Amino acid sequence: MPGFNKVVSCYSEAMAGLQDGMSIVSGGFGLCGIPENLIKQIKKMATKDLTIISNNCGTTNHGLGILLFDRQVRKMIASYVGENENFEAQMMAGELEVELTPQGTLAEKIRAGGAGIPAFYTATGYGTPVAEGKEVKEFNGRHYILEQALTADFAIIKAWKADTMGNLVYRKTARNFNPMAATAGKITVVEVEEIVQAGSLDPDEIHTPGIYVDRLIQGTFDKTIEQRTILTAS
């Protein structure tokens, strides 16, 4: 079925159409399950004034963090600053707009956006700066704040395996923000370690249906470890 083949041949084709001022939702948690080669392509393209939605902004020298060196990011929507010195410095200096969001709320904002739900109420953040300027309602004696869903112009995703139709399988902890982020982009671009023929995957093992995927590319990955911990015998 050639018309359903989502595979592209190069990273420039994968990220074609990305322009200054656009928004991107990225899968990954720390450096686990990040679309590292798609991020490198964005850096290569020198696209500016971007809004990035992701759990965090990588580390200083890896992942989304590499986009901060040339000030490609205007706004970061994330749950924490993490292991990124540039992120912290630019945020504290007011050079990078940052919207810090509780991690579970961020995940649900992305999931809701992909599901076509414009907003939802959550108790998380009530009575803190997170709730400032947001609508508050009381349900069953408890206060909840209204959070708006998130979508983006592009979603960039890392999966383990895919078939040519874009059906995706994630591996272990790399199945973090990727499944919900894959649903929240107008254009969803996925890089994987292995591509198999359509029909090769057991339908029961598919985590993201190919209907959400627009472009698919096979890559090789460094899989940098964020913090290496070694247990030595005493």
Protein backbone atom coordinates (compact mmCIF):
# COMPACT_ATOMS: atom_id res chain seq x y z
CA MET A 1 0.00 0.00 0.00
CA PRO A 2 2.35 2.74 -1.21
CA GLY A 3 -0.01 5.58 -0.26
CA PHE A 4 0.24 4.59 3.40
CA ASN A 5 4.03 4.46 3.49
CA LYS A 6 5.24 7.09 5.99
CA VAL A 7 8.99 6.49 5.56
CA VAL A 8 11.20 9.43 4.49
CA SER A 9 14.80 9.15 3.37
CA CYS A 10 16.57 11.99 5.22
CA TYR A 11 16.23 14.26 8.23
CA SER A 12 15.80 17.40 6.14
CA GLU A 13 12.74 15.79 4.57
CA ALA A 14 11.53 14.67 7.99
CA MET A 15 11.52 18.23 9.37
CA ALA A 16 10.49 19.99 6.15
CA GLY A 17 8.10 22.87 6.79
CA LEU A 18 9.40 23.84 10.22
CA GLN A 19 9.60 27.64 10.34
CA ASP A 20 10.58 30.39 12.75
CA GLY A 21 7.97 31.01 15.44
CA MET A 22 6.44 27.53 15.34
CA SER A 23 5.71 25.27 18.31
CA ILE A 24 7.10 21.76 18.90
CA VAL A 25 6.02 19.09 21.39
CA SER A 26 8.82 16.62 22.07
CA GLY A 27 8.73 13.19 23.65
CA GLY A 28 11.34 12.04 26.13
CA PHE A 29 12.15 12.25 29.82
CA GLY A 30 15.58 13.62 30.63
CA LEU A 31 17.64 11.93 27.92
CA CYS A 32 15.52 8.77 27.87
CA GLY A 33 13.51 8.25 24.71
CA ILE A 34 14.38 11.60 23.14
CA PRO A 35 14.27 12.15 19.36
CA GLU A 36 17.93 13.15 19.40
CA ASN A 37 18.53 13.22 15.66
CA LEU A 38 15.41 15.26 14.93
CA ILE A 39 16.62 17.76 17.55
CA LYS A 40 20.02 17.89 15.83
CA GLN A 41 18.25 18.58 12.54
CA ILE A 42 16.38 21.49 14.14
CA LYS A 43 19.70 22.89 15.34
CA LYS A 44 21.15 22.45 11.85
CA MET A 45 18.19 24.31 10.35
CA ALA A 46 18.84 27.23 12.76
CA THR A 47 15.10 27.72 13.17
CA LYS A 48 14.44 30.51 15.70
CA ASP A 49 11.73 31.82 18.02
CA LEU A 50 10.47 28.33 18.83
CA THR A 51 8.07 27.31 21.57
CA ILE A 52 9.06 23.89 22.92
CA ILE A 53 6.75 21.68 24.98
CA SER A 54 8.61 18.88 26.75
CA ASN A 55 9.08 17.43 30.20
CA ASN A 56 12.44 19.21 30.41
CA CYS A 57 15.04 20.79 28.14
CA GLY A 58 17.57 17.98 28.02
CA THR A 59 20.98 18.64 29.55
CA THR A 60 23.46 21.40 28.83
CA ASN A 61 25.09 19.53 25.94
CA HIS A 62 22.51 16.94 24.90
CA GLY A 63 18.92 16.71 23.75
CA LEU A 64 16.83 19.85 23.52
CA GLY A 65 19.56 21.68 25.44
CA ILE A 66 21.62 22.09 22.26
CA LEU A 67 18.96 24.44 20.89
CA LEU A 68 19.72 26.95 23.66
CA PHE A 69 23.31 27.63 22.55
CA ASP A 70 22.14 29.70 19.58
CA ARG A 71 19.01 31.00 21.33
CA GLN A 72 16.64 29.09 19.04
CA VAL A 73 14.01 28.71 21.78
CA ARG A 74 11.80 31.66 22.76
CA LYS A 75 9.57 29.79 25.22
CA MET A 76 9.87 26.51 27.10
CA ILE A 77 6.87 24.75 28.61
CA ALA A 78 8.28 22.10 30.94
CA SER A 79 7.95 20.52 34.36
CA TYR A 80 11.46 21.29 35.63
CA VAL A 81 14.79 22.88 34.74
CA GLY A 82 16.72 19.64 35.15
CA GLU A 83 20.40 19.19 34.31
CA ASN A 84 20.71 22.19 32.03
CA GLU A 85 22.91 25.13 33.05
CA ASN A 86 21.95 27.22 30.01
CA PHE A 87 18.26 26.68 30.67
CA GLU A 88 18.67 27.85 34.26
CA ALA A 89 20.84 30.84 33.34
CA GLN A 90 18.61 32.05 30.51
CA MET A 91 15.48 31.63 32.63
CA MET A 92 16.94 33.52 35.59
CA ALA A 93 18.15 36.32 33.31
CA GLY A 94 14.71 36.67 31.71
CA GLU A 95 16.13 35.73 28.30
CA LEU A 96 13.98 32.60 27.98
CA GLU A 97 10.27 32.55 28.69
CA VAL A 98 9.54 29.53 30.86
CA GLU A 99 6.17 28.12 31.87
CA LEU A 100 6.84 25.60 34.62
CA THR A 101 4.00 23.08 34.92
CA PRO A 102 3.53 20.18 37.37
CA GLN A 103 4.64 17.02 35.63
CA GLY A 104 1.33 15.17 35.76
CA THR A 105 -0.53 18.28 34.66
CA LEU A 106 1.85 18.71 31.73
CA ALA A 107 1.31 15.10 30.65
CA GLU A 108 -2.45 15.54 30.83
CA LYS A 109 -2.34 18.89 28.97
CA ILE A 110 -0.57 17.14 26.09
CA ARG A 111 -2.83 14.07 26.23
CA ALA A 112 -5.94 16.25 26.31
CA GLY A 113 -4.71 18.27 23.35
CA GLY A 114 -4.23 15.11 21.33
CA ALA A 115 -7.70 13.90 22.32
CA GLY A 116 -9.40 17.13 21.27
CA ILE A 117 -10.26 18.15 24.85
CA PRO A 118 -9.65 21.93 25.16
CA ALA A 119 -9.29 22.13 28.94
CA PHE A 120 -9.76 20.22 32.20
CA TYR A 121 -9.90 20.82 35.96
CA THR A 122 -7.21 19.57 38.32
CA ALA A 123 -6.53 20.08 42.02
CA THR A 124 -2.79 20.11 41.40
CA GLY A 125 -1.36 23.59 41.87
CA TYR A 126 -4.32 25.13 43.67
CA GLY A 127 -3.16 27.70 46.21
CA THR A 128 0.28 28.04 44.57
CA PRO A 129 1.69 30.37 41.88
CA VAL A 130 0.67 27.70 39.34
CA ALA A 131 -2.95 28.75 39.85
CA GLU A 132 -2.44 32.49 39.36
CA GLY A 133 -4.80 33.91 36.74
CA LYS A 134 -6.62 30.60 36.23
CA GLU A 135 -10.29 29.85 36.77
CA VAL A 136 -11.08 28.03 40.03
CA LYS A 137 -14.12 25.86 40.72
CA GLU A 138 -15.15 23.76 43.69
CA PHE A 139 -16.22 20.14 43.25
CA ASN A 140 -17.30 18.03 46.23
CA GLY A 141 -15.70 20.45 48.66
CA ARG A 142 -12.32 20.58 46.89
CA HIS A 143 -10.91 23.38 44.76
CA TYR A 144 -9.72 22.77 41.22
CA ILE A 145 -8.02 25.00 38.65
CA LEU A 146 -8.76 25.05 34.93
CA GLU A 147 -5.81 24.02 32.77
CA GLN A 148 -5.83 24.46 28.99
CA ALA A 149 -4.71 21.64 26.74
CA LEU A 150 -1.56 21.84 24.60
CA THR A 151 -1.00 21.12 20.93
CA ALA A 152 1.85 22.07 18.60
CA ASP A 153 2.73 22.61 14.96
CA PHE A 154 5.17 19.68 15.09
CA ALA A 155 5.52 16.65 17.34
CA ILE A 156 8.94 14.99 17.39
CA ILE A 157 8.94 11.43 18.72
CA LYS A 158 11.37 8.57 19.44
CA ALA A 159 10.09 5.00 19.21
CA TRP A 160 11.85 1.65 19.18
CA LYS A 161 10.18 -0.04 16.23
CA ALA A 162 7.66 0.90 13.55
CA ASP A 163 6.13 -0.55 10.45
CA THR A 164 6.07 1.40 7.22
CA MET A 165 2.54 2.63 7.96
CA GLY A 166 3.78 4.38 11.11
CA ASN A 167 2.43 2.02 13.76
CA LEU A 168 4.79 2.45 16.73
CA VAL A 169 6.22 0.34 19.53
CA TYR A 170 8.14 1.97 22.40
CA ARG A 171 10.64 0.16 24.57
CA LYS A 172 10.47 0.25 28.36
CA THR A 173 11.04 3.69 29.94
CA ALA A 174 11.30 5.34 26.52
CA ARG A 175 7.52 4.96 26.59
CA ASN A 176 7.22 8.13 28.66
CA PHE A 177 5.86 11.34 27.11
CA ASN A 178 6.18 9.94 23.58
CA PRO A 179 2.72 8.31 23.19
CA MET A 180 0.75 11.41 24.21
CA ALA A 181 3.08 13.80 22.39
CA ALA A 182 2.62 11.78 19.19
CA THR A 183 -1.07 12.67 19.19
CA ALA A 184 -0.65 16.39 19.87
CA GLY A 185 1.18 17.64 16.77
CA LYS A 186 -0.32 18.90 13.52
CA ILE A 187 2.63 17.13 11.90
CA THR A 188 4.07 14.18 13.80
CA VAL A 189 7.60 13.09 12.90
CA VAL A 190 9.01 9.88 14.37
CA GLU A 191 12.49 8.40 14.39
CA VAL A 192 12.97 4.74 15.21
CA GLU A 193 15.67 2.12 15.52
CA GLU A 194 13.98 -0.41 13.25
CA ILE A 195 11.37 -0.29 10.49
CA VAL A 196 9.53 -3.45 9.48
CA GLN A 197 7.02 -4.14 6.75
CA ALA A 198 3.34 -3.35 7.25
CA GLY A 199 1.57 -6.30 8.85
CA SER A 200 4.70 -7.50 10.68
CA LEU A 201 3.67 -6.09 14.06
CA ASP A 202 1.19 -7.85 16.28
CA PRO A 203 -1.71 -5.40 16.64
CA ASP A 204 -1.71 -6.04 20.39
CA GLU A 205 1.85 -4.70 20.75
CA ILE A 206 1.26 -1.38 18.95
CA HIS A 207 1.37 1.58 21.35
CA THR A 208 0.69 4.42 18.88
CA PRO A 209 -1.45 3.76 15.79
CA GLY A 210 -0.02 4.96 12.49
CA ILE A 211 -2.99 7.30 11.95
CA TYR A 212 -1.16 9.81 14.18
CA VAL A 213 2.15 9.59 12.30
CA ASP A 214 2.97 11.72 9.24
CA ARG A 215 6.67 11.01 8.70
CA LEU A 216 8.95 8.20 9.79
CA ILE A 217 12.72 7.83 9.61
CA GLN A 218 15.18 5.19 10.78
CA GLY A 219 18.23 6.45 12.64
CA THR A 220 21.13 5.49 14.85
CA PHE A 221 21.32 6.77 18.40
CA ASP A 222 24.00 7.71 20.95
CA LYS A 223 21.71 6.98 23.94
CA THR A 224 23.70 9.22 26.24
CA ILE A 225 23.25 8.43 29.94
CA GLU A 226 22.16 11.48 31.92
CA GLN A 227 23.68 10.39 35.23
CA ARG A 228 25.83 7.28 35.31
CA THR A 229 25.71 5.45 38.63
CA ILE A 230 28.14 2.62 39.32
CA LEU A 231 27.76 0.16 42.18
CA THR A 232 31.11 -1.04 43.49
CA ALA A 233 31.72 -3.92 45.87
CA SER A 234 32.67 -2.87 49.40
